[in-house]
N, C-alpha and C. Protein backbone atom coordinates (compact mmCIF):
# COMPACT_ATOMS: atom_id res chain seq x y z
N MET A 1 -45.33 -100.10 -100.40
CA MET A 1 -45.55 -100.02 -98.99
C MET A 1 -46.28 -101.28 -98.56
N SER A 2 -45.76 -101.81 -97.59
CA SER A 2 -46.29 -103.10 -97.17
C SER A 2 -47.34 -102.98 -96.09
N GLY A 3 -47.79 -101.84 -95.81
CA GLY A 3 -48.84 -101.66 -94.82
C GLY A 3 -48.34 -101.52 -93.39
N GLU A 4 -47.04 -101.30 -93.21
CA GLU A 4 -46.52 -101.11 -91.86
C GLU A 4 -46.88 -99.72 -91.37
N ARG A 5 -47.18 -99.66 -90.14
CA ARG A 5 -47.48 -98.34 -89.55
C ARG A 5 -46.20 -97.76 -89.00
N LYS A 6 -46.07 -96.48 -89.19
CA LYS A 6 -44.91 -95.79 -88.61
C LYS A 6 -45.19 -95.58 -87.13
N LYS A 7 -44.16 -95.83 -86.33
CA LYS A 7 -44.31 -95.61 -84.90
C LYS A 7 -44.04 -94.15 -84.60
N LEU A 8 -44.89 -93.55 -83.88
CA LEU A 8 -44.70 -92.16 -83.45
C LEU A 8 -43.82 -92.16 -82.21
N PRO A 9 -43.01 -91.11 -82.06
CA PRO A 9 -42.18 -91.03 -80.85
C PRO A 9 -43.08 -90.95 -79.63
N PRO A 10 -42.61 -91.51 -78.52
CA PRO A 10 -43.45 -91.46 -77.31
C PRO A 10 -43.66 -90.01 -76.87
N THR A 11 -44.82 -89.69 -76.46
CA THR A 11 -45.12 -88.34 -76.01
C THR A 11 -45.07 -88.29 -74.49
N VAL A 12 -44.75 -87.11 -74.00
CA VAL A 12 -44.70 -86.89 -72.55
C VAL A 12 -46.11 -86.62 -72.07
N PRO A 13 -46.51 -87.24 -71.00
CA PRO A 13 -47.86 -87.00 -70.49
C PRO A 13 -48.07 -85.53 -70.11
N VAL A 14 -49.28 -85.07 -70.28
CA VAL A 14 -49.63 -83.68 -70.01
C VAL A 14 -49.38 -83.33 -68.55
N GLY A 15 -49.67 -84.22 -67.65
CA GLY A 15 -49.46 -83.96 -66.22
C GLY A 15 -48.00 -83.71 -65.89
N LEU A 16 -47.13 -84.51 -66.52
CA LEU A 16 -45.69 -84.32 -66.29
C LEU A 16 -45.23 -82.98 -66.84
N MET A 17 -45.78 -82.61 -68.02
CA MET A 17 -45.43 -81.31 -68.60
C MET A 17 -45.86 -80.17 -67.67
N LEU A 18 -47.03 -80.28 -67.09
CA LEU A 18 -47.50 -79.25 -66.17
C LEU A 18 -46.61 -79.18 -64.92
N VAL A 19 -46.22 -80.31 -64.41
CA VAL A 19 -45.36 -80.34 -63.23
C VAL A 19 -44.00 -79.70 -63.55
N LEU A 20 -43.44 -80.02 -64.70
CA LEU A 20 -42.16 -79.42 -65.09
C LEU A 20 -42.28 -77.92 -65.32
N ALA A 21 -43.39 -77.49 -65.92
CA ALA A 21 -43.61 -76.05 -66.14
C ALA A 21 -43.74 -75.33 -64.80
N MET A 22 -44.45 -75.93 -63.86
CA MET A 22 -44.60 -75.32 -62.53
C MET A 22 -43.25 -75.26 -61.81
N ALA A 23 -42.44 -76.29 -61.98
CA ALA A 23 -41.11 -76.29 -61.37
C ALA A 23 -40.24 -75.19 -61.96
N CYS A 24 -40.34 -74.97 -63.27
CA CYS A 24 -39.57 -73.88 -63.91
C CYS A 24 -40.02 -72.52 -63.39
N VAL A 25 -41.33 -72.32 -63.26
CA VAL A 25 -41.86 -71.05 -62.75
C VAL A 25 -41.43 -70.86 -61.30
N ALA A 26 -41.52 -71.91 -60.50
CA ALA A 26 -41.11 -71.80 -59.09
C ALA A 26 -39.63 -71.49 -58.98
N SER A 27 -38.82 -72.11 -59.83
CA SER A 27 -37.39 -71.86 -59.82
C SER A 27 -37.10 -70.40 -60.21
N ALA A 28 -37.80 -69.91 -61.22
CA ALA A 28 -37.61 -68.51 -61.63
C ALA A 28 -38.01 -67.55 -60.51
N MET A 29 -39.11 -67.85 -59.84
CA MET A 29 -39.56 -66.99 -58.72
C MET A 29 -38.53 -67.01 -57.59
N ALA A 30 -37.96 -68.17 -57.32
CA ALA A 30 -36.95 -68.28 -56.27
C ALA A 30 -35.71 -67.46 -56.63
N ILE A 31 -35.32 -67.49 -57.89
CA ILE A 31 -34.15 -66.70 -58.32
C ILE A 31 -34.43 -65.22 -58.17
N VAL A 32 -35.61 -64.77 -58.58
CA VAL A 32 -35.97 -63.35 -58.43
C VAL A 32 -35.97 -62.95 -56.96
N TYR A 33 -36.53 -63.80 -56.11
CA TYR A 33 -36.58 -63.50 -54.68
C TYR A 33 -35.18 -63.41 -54.07
N THR A 34 -34.32 -64.37 -54.39
CA THR A 34 -32.98 -64.35 -53.79
C THR A 34 -32.16 -63.18 -54.31
N ARG A 35 -32.33 -62.81 -55.56
CA ARG A 35 -31.60 -61.64 -56.07
C ARG A 35 -32.06 -60.36 -55.39
N GLN A 36 -33.36 -60.22 -55.19
CA GLN A 36 -33.88 -59.04 -54.49
C GLN A 36 -33.37 -59.01 -53.06
N GLN A 37 -33.37 -60.16 -52.41
CA GLN A 37 -32.87 -60.24 -51.04
C GLN A 37 -31.39 -59.89 -50.99
N ALA A 38 -30.63 -60.34 -51.97
CA ALA A 38 -29.20 -60.02 -52.03
C ALA A 38 -29.00 -58.52 -52.21
N ARG A 39 -29.82 -57.89 -53.04
CA ARG A 39 -29.71 -56.43 -53.23
C ARG A 39 -30.01 -55.69 -51.92
N GLU A 40 -31.07 -56.10 -51.24
CA GLU A 40 -31.43 -55.45 -49.98
C GLU A 40 -30.33 -55.62 -48.94
N LEU A 41 -29.76 -56.81 -48.87
CA LEU A 41 -28.67 -57.05 -47.91
C LEU A 41 -27.43 -56.24 -48.27
N PHE A 42 -27.16 -56.07 -49.56
CA PHE A 42 -26.02 -55.27 -49.97
C PHE A 42 -26.21 -53.80 -49.59
N VAL A 43 -27.43 -53.30 -49.77
CA VAL A 43 -27.72 -51.91 -49.38
C VAL A 43 -27.53 -51.76 -47.87
N GLU A 44 -28.01 -52.74 -47.10
CA GLU A 44 -27.84 -52.70 -45.64
C GLU A 44 -26.36 -52.76 -45.27
N LEU A 45 -25.61 -53.59 -45.97
CA LEU A 45 -24.17 -53.69 -45.72
C LEU A 45 -23.47 -52.36 -45.96
N GLN A 46 -23.83 -51.68 -47.04
CA GLN A 46 -23.24 -50.39 -47.35
C GLN A 46 -23.57 -49.36 -46.27
N ALA A 47 -24.81 -49.37 -45.80
CA ALA A 47 -25.21 -48.43 -44.75
C ALA A 47 -24.44 -48.72 -43.46
N LEU A 48 -24.33 -49.99 -43.11
CA LEU A 48 -23.60 -50.35 -41.90
C LEU A 48 -22.11 -50.05 -42.02
N SER A 49 -21.56 -50.20 -43.21
CA SER A 49 -20.14 -49.85 -43.41
C SER A 49 -19.92 -48.35 -43.24
N SER A 50 -20.85 -47.57 -43.75
CA SER A 50 -20.75 -46.11 -43.58
C SER A 50 -20.86 -45.74 -42.11
N GLU A 51 -21.78 -46.38 -41.40
CA GLU A 51 -21.93 -46.11 -39.97
C GLU A 51 -20.68 -46.51 -39.21
N ARG A 52 -20.09 -47.67 -39.56
CA ARG A 52 -18.86 -48.13 -38.92
C ARG A 52 -17.73 -47.13 -39.13
N ASP A 53 -17.62 -46.62 -40.37
CA ASP A 53 -16.56 -45.64 -40.66
C ASP A 53 -16.75 -44.37 -39.84
N ALA A 54 -18.00 -43.91 -39.73
CA ALA A 54 -18.28 -42.71 -38.94
C ALA A 54 -17.96 -42.95 -37.47
N LEU A 55 -18.31 -44.13 -36.96
CA LEU A 55 -18.01 -44.44 -35.56
C LEU A 55 -16.51 -44.56 -35.32
N ASN A 56 -15.78 -45.09 -36.29
CA ASN A 56 -14.32 -45.17 -36.15
C ASN A 56 -13.70 -43.78 -36.11
N ILE A 57 -14.24 -42.87 -36.90
CA ILE A 57 -13.75 -41.49 -36.88
C ILE A 57 -14.02 -40.85 -35.52
N ASP A 58 -15.24 -41.05 -34.99
CA ASP A 58 -15.58 -40.52 -33.67
C ASP A 58 -14.69 -41.14 -32.60
N TRP A 59 -14.44 -42.45 -32.69
CA TRP A 59 -13.59 -43.12 -31.71
C TRP A 59 -12.19 -42.54 -31.71
N GLY A 60 -11.63 -42.31 -32.88
CA GLY A 60 -10.31 -41.70 -32.97
C GLY A 60 -10.29 -40.30 -32.37
N ARG A 61 -11.34 -39.53 -32.66
CA ARG A 61 -11.42 -38.17 -32.11
C ARG A 61 -11.51 -38.22 -30.58
N LEU A 62 -12.31 -39.15 -30.06
CA LEU A 62 -12.45 -39.28 -28.61
C LEU A 62 -11.15 -39.74 -27.94
N GLN A 63 -10.40 -40.60 -28.61
CA GLN A 63 -9.11 -41.02 -28.05
C GLN A 63 -8.14 -39.85 -27.97
N ILE A 64 -8.13 -39.03 -29.00
CA ILE A 64 -7.27 -37.85 -28.99
C ILE A 64 -7.70 -36.89 -27.89
N GLU A 65 -9.02 -36.70 -27.76
CA GLU A 65 -9.55 -35.82 -26.72
C GLU A 65 -9.20 -36.34 -25.33
N GLN A 66 -9.32 -37.66 -25.14
CA GLN A 66 -8.99 -38.24 -23.84
C GLN A 66 -7.51 -38.08 -23.52
N SER A 67 -6.66 -38.28 -24.52
CA SER A 67 -5.23 -38.13 -24.25
C SER A 67 -4.89 -36.67 -23.93
N ALA A 68 -5.62 -35.73 -24.53
CA ALA A 68 -5.39 -34.31 -24.22
C ALA A 68 -5.82 -33.99 -22.80
N TYR A 69 -6.93 -34.59 -22.35
CA TYR A 69 -7.41 -34.33 -20.99
C TYR A 69 -6.53 -35.00 -19.94
N ALA A 70 -5.83 -36.04 -20.30
CA ALA A 70 -5.07 -36.80 -19.32
C ALA A 70 -3.60 -36.39 -19.23
N THR A 71 -3.20 -35.34 -19.92
CA THR A 71 -1.79 -34.94 -19.86
C THR A 71 -1.45 -34.46 -18.46
N HIS A 72 -0.20 -34.70 -18.05
CA HIS A 72 0.23 -34.33 -16.70
C HIS A 72 0.15 -32.82 -16.48
N ALA A 73 0.50 -32.07 -17.49
CA ALA A 73 0.46 -30.61 -17.34
C ALA A 73 -0.97 -30.13 -17.08
N ARG A 74 -1.93 -30.69 -17.77
CA ARG A 74 -3.32 -30.27 -17.57
C ARG A 74 -3.81 -30.66 -16.19
N VAL A 75 -3.50 -31.89 -15.77
CA VAL A 75 -3.94 -32.35 -14.45
C VAL A 75 -3.32 -31.48 -13.36
N GLU A 76 -2.05 -31.18 -13.50
CA GLU A 76 -1.41 -30.34 -12.49
C GLU A 76 -1.99 -28.93 -12.49
N ARG A 77 -2.23 -28.38 -13.68
CA ARG A 77 -2.80 -27.03 -13.78
C ARG A 77 -4.18 -26.98 -13.12
N LEU A 78 -5.03 -27.99 -13.38
CA LEU A 78 -6.35 -28.02 -12.77
C LEU A 78 -6.26 -28.22 -11.26
N ALA A 79 -5.32 -29.03 -10.80
CA ALA A 79 -5.15 -29.24 -9.37
C ALA A 79 -4.76 -27.94 -8.67
N ARG A 80 -3.88 -27.18 -9.29
CA ARG A 80 -3.47 -25.90 -8.68
C ARG A 80 -4.60 -24.87 -8.73
N ARG A 81 -5.24 -24.76 -9.88
CA ARG A 81 -6.23 -23.71 -10.07
C ARG A 81 -7.55 -24.02 -9.36
N GLU A 82 -8.12 -25.19 -9.58
CA GLU A 82 -9.46 -25.47 -9.07
C GLU A 82 -9.47 -26.06 -7.66
N LEU A 83 -8.44 -26.79 -7.32
CA LEU A 83 -8.41 -27.43 -5.99
C LEU A 83 -7.43 -26.78 -5.03
N ALA A 84 -6.69 -25.81 -5.52
CA ALA A 84 -5.70 -25.09 -4.72
C ALA A 84 -4.68 -26.06 -4.09
N LEU A 85 -4.29 -27.05 -4.84
CA LEU A 85 -3.29 -28.00 -4.36
C LEU A 85 -1.90 -27.50 -4.75
N GLU A 86 -0.95 -27.80 -3.91
CA GLU A 86 0.43 -27.43 -4.19
C GLU A 86 1.32 -28.61 -3.90
N ARG A 87 2.50 -28.62 -4.51
CA ARG A 87 3.46 -29.67 -4.26
C ARG A 87 3.99 -29.49 -2.84
N PRO A 88 4.05 -30.57 -2.05
CA PRO A 88 4.50 -30.44 -0.66
C PRO A 88 6.01 -30.16 -0.59
N GLN A 89 6.38 -29.43 0.45
CA GLN A 89 7.81 -29.16 0.70
C GLN A 89 8.48 -30.46 1.15
N THR A 90 9.76 -30.53 0.98
CA THR A 90 10.50 -31.72 1.37
C THR A 90 10.36 -31.99 2.85
N SER A 91 10.29 -30.95 3.65
CA SER A 91 10.16 -31.14 5.10
C SER A 91 8.79 -31.68 5.50
N ASP A 92 7.79 -31.55 4.61
CA ASP A 92 6.44 -32.05 4.91
C ASP A 92 6.21 -33.49 4.46
N ILE A 93 7.22 -34.10 3.85
CA ILE A 93 7.07 -35.47 3.33
C ILE A 93 7.61 -36.44 4.37
N TYR A 94 6.82 -37.43 4.72
CA TYR A 94 7.22 -38.49 5.66
C TYR A 94 7.19 -39.81 4.95
N ILE A 95 8.24 -40.58 5.11
CA ILE A 95 8.30 -41.89 4.50
C ILE A 95 7.95 -42.92 5.55
N VAL A 96 6.98 -43.73 5.25
CA VAL A 96 6.52 -44.77 6.17
C VAL A 96 7.07 -46.09 5.68
N LYS A 97 7.80 -46.76 6.56
CA LYS A 97 8.39 -48.06 6.19
C LYS A 97 7.59 -49.15 6.83
N PRO A 98 7.33 -50.23 6.10
CA PRO A 98 6.62 -51.36 6.71
C PRO A 98 7.50 -52.05 7.73
N GLU A 99 6.90 -52.59 8.74
CA GLU A 99 7.66 -53.25 9.80
C GLU A 99 8.05 -54.64 9.45
C-alpha cells in the first residue's frame, strides 16, 4: 500500500435529506387527502344519482297524470257536470266573417 487514501462517496447534506423527507411526507398527506375527497365526492354523486332517479320517476308519473286530466272526455264531462255547459244547437251558432 502506497499510502493513498480511499475517497469516500460524496454524502448528501443533512438539510437536503430533511427537505426531501418533508416533501415525501407532504406528498403522502396530499395523496391521502385527495383520496378521501374523491371518496366523499363519489358518495355525494351516488346520493344525487338516486335523487335524480326518484325525480325522474315522479316526473313520469306527473306526465301521465297530466295527460289523464287533459283528455277531451274528462274536460267535456267536467264542463257538463260542474259548469252545466252544453254543446250549442246549430241554430245558435253564428259565423262572423271579417270585413
